[in-house]
Amino acid sequence: MKKTVYFLSLLCLMSLANSCSKSDDMISTVDIDCSGSKYNGHSLMLGPKGGCYYINSNNNKTYVDRSYCHC
């Protein structure tokens, strides 16, 4: 019984992995460095969903208006 459950779980995971790898509409999870774009002296980044931000002194993201990002 345990082997059957393990096999079915493995089969299910393999099926999910294959369907995800073939998807053409997957959203990028990589942030883009907007070279040359600055806000109050901070270099700006563009997130995967289009948010424009910089890393503050506490290493947190501080979001600014998207019009400041010129990527």
C-alpha atoms as a PDB file:
ATOM      1  CA  MET A   1       0.000   0.000   0.000  1.00  0.00           C
ATOM      2  CA  LYS A   2       2.771   2.467   0.913  1.00  0.00           C
ATOM      3  CA  LYS A   3       4.559   1.783  -2.376  1.00  0.00           C
ATOM      4  CA  THR A   4       1.387   2.530  -4.334  1.00  0.00           C
ATOM      5  CA  VAL A   5       0.827   5.836  -2.554  1.00  0.00           C
ATOM      6  CA  TYR A   6       4.473   6.802  -3.043  1.00  0.00           C
ATOM      7  CA  PHE A   7       4.324   5.894  -6.749  1.00  0.00           C
ATOM      8  CA  LEU A   8       1.104   7.874  -7.299  1.00  0.00           C
ATOM      9  CA  SER A   9       2.549  10.887  -5.473  1.00  0.00           C
ATOM     10  CA  LEU A  10       5.697  10.733  -7.566  1.00  0.00           C
ATOM     11  CA  LEU A  11       3.664  10.408 -10.762  1.00  0.00           C
ATOM     12  CA  CYS A  12       1.580  13.423  -9.781  1.00  0.00           C
ATOM     13  CA  LEU A  13       4.677  15.546  -9.081  1.00  0.00           C
ATOM     14  CA  MET A  14       6.244  14.568 -12.393  1.00  0.00           C
ATOM     15  CA  SER A  15       3.049  15.525 -14.189  1.00  0.00           C
ATOM     16  CA  LEU A  16       3.013  18.945 -12.523  1.00  0.00           C
ATOM     17  CA  ALA A  17       6.674  19.542 -13.364  1.00  0.00           C
ATOM     18  CA  ASN A  18       6.113  18.726 -17.021  1.00  0.00           C
ATOM     19  CA  SER A  19       3.084  20.992 -17.321  1.00  0.00           C
ATOM     20  CA  CYS A  20       4.944  23.895 -15.692  1.00  0.00           C
ATOM     21  CA  SER A  21       8.040  23.556 -17.840  1.00  0.00           C
ATOM     22  CA  LYS A  22       5.989  23.725 -21.045  1.00  0.00           C
ATOM     23  CA  SER A  23       4.027  26.825 -20.081  1.00  0.00           C
ATOM     24  CA  ASP A  24       4.765  29.827 -22.304  1.00  0.00           C
ATOM     25  CA  ASP A  25       2.950  32.305 -20.087  1.00  0.00           C
ATOM     26  CA  MET A  26       4.973  31.891 -16.899  1.00  0.00           C
ATOM     27  CA  ILE A  27       5.848  35.121 -15.089  1.00  0.00           C
ATOM     28  CA  SER A  28       9.507  35.924 -14.594  1.00  0.00           C
ATOM     29  CA  THR A  29      10.688  35.901 -10.998  1.00  0.00           C
ATOM     30  CA  VAL A  30      13.867  37.835 -11.726  1.00  0.00           C
ATOM     31  CA  ASP A  31      14.178  41.481 -10.737  1.00  0.00           C
ATOM     32  CA  ILE A  32      15.763  43.788 -13.313  1.00  0.00           C
ATOM     33  CA  ASP A  33      18.410  46.366 -12.437  1.00  0.00           C
ATOM     34  CA  CYS A  34      17.370  49.644 -14.064  1.00  0.00           C
ATOM     35  CA  SER A  35      20.836  50.949 -14.791  1.00  0.00           C
ATOM     36  CA  GLY A  36      20.885  54.704 -14.696  1.00  0.00           C
ATOM     37  CA  SER A  37      17.508  55.026 -12.972  1.00  0.00           C
ATOM     38  CA  LYS A  38      17.902  56.643  -9.576  1.00  0.00           C
ATOM     39  CA  TYR A  39      15.587  57.894  -6.843  1.00  0.00           C
ATOM     40  CA  ASN A  40      17.148  60.132  -4.165  1.00  0.00           C
ATOM     41  CA  GLY A  41      20.543  58.587  -4.939  1.00  0.00           C
ATOM     42  CA  HIS A  42      19.320  54.963  -4.790  1.00  0.00           C
ATOM     43  CA  SER A  43      19.591  52.622  -7.782  1.00  0.00           C
ATOM     44  CA  LEU A  44      16.173  51.359  -8.834  1.00  0.00           C
ATOM     45  CA  MET A  45      15.043  47.815  -9.575  1.00  0.00           C
ATOM     46  CA  LEU A  46      12.023  46.585 -11.520  1.00  0.00           C
ATOM     47  CA  GLY A  47      10.265  43.597  -9.961  1.00  0.00           C
ATOM     48  CA  PRO A  48       8.666  40.675 -11.828  1.00  0.00           C
ATOM     49  CA  LYS A  49       5.195  42.253 -11.569  1.00  0.00           C
ATOM     50  CA  GLY A  50       6.372  45.709 -12.670  1.00  0.00           C
ATOM     51  CA  GLY A  51       6.918  47.336  -9.282  1.00  0.00           C
ATOM     52  CA  CYS A  52       9.721  49.891  -9.093  1.00  0.00           C
ATOM     53  CA  TYR A  53      11.774  49.914  -5.889  1.00  0.00           C
ATOM     54  CA  TYR A  54      15.136  50.442  -4.242  1.00  0.00           C
ATOM     55  CA  ILE A  55      16.797  48.703  -1.307  1.00  0.00           C
ATOM     56  CA  ASN A  56      16.814  50.983   1.738  1.00  0.00           C
ATOM     57  CA  SER A  57      19.365  51.129   4.570  1.00  0.00           C
ATOM     58  CA  ASN A  58      17.514  48.328   6.417  1.00  0.00           C
ATOM     59  CA  ASN A  59      17.823  46.046   3.345  1.00  0.00           C
ATOM     60  CA  ASN A  60      14.086  46.307   2.695  1.00  0.00           C
ATOM     61  CA  LYS A  61      12.354  47.182  -0.566  1.00  0.00           C
ATOM     62  CA  THR A  62      10.972  50.713  -0.750  1.00  0.00           C
ATOM     63  CA  TYR A  63       8.572  51.127  -3.644  1.00  0.00           C
ATOM     64  CA  VAL A  64       8.369  54.293  -5.716  1.00  0.00           C
ATOM     65  CA  ASP A  65       6.167  55.307  -8.610  1.00  0.00           C
ATOM     66  CA  ARG A  66       6.766  53.215 -11.741  1.00  0.00           C
ATOM     67  CA  SER A  67       7.470  56.338 -13.782  1.00  0.00           C
ATOM     68  CA  TYR A  68      10.894  56.554 -12.087  1.00  0.00           C
ATOM     69  CA  CYS A  69      12.047  53.222 -13.580  1.00  0.00           C
ATOM     70  CA  HIS A  70      13.489  53.646 -17.066  1.00  0.00           C
ATOM     71  CA  CYS A  71      14.451  50.083 -17.895  1.00  0.00           C
END
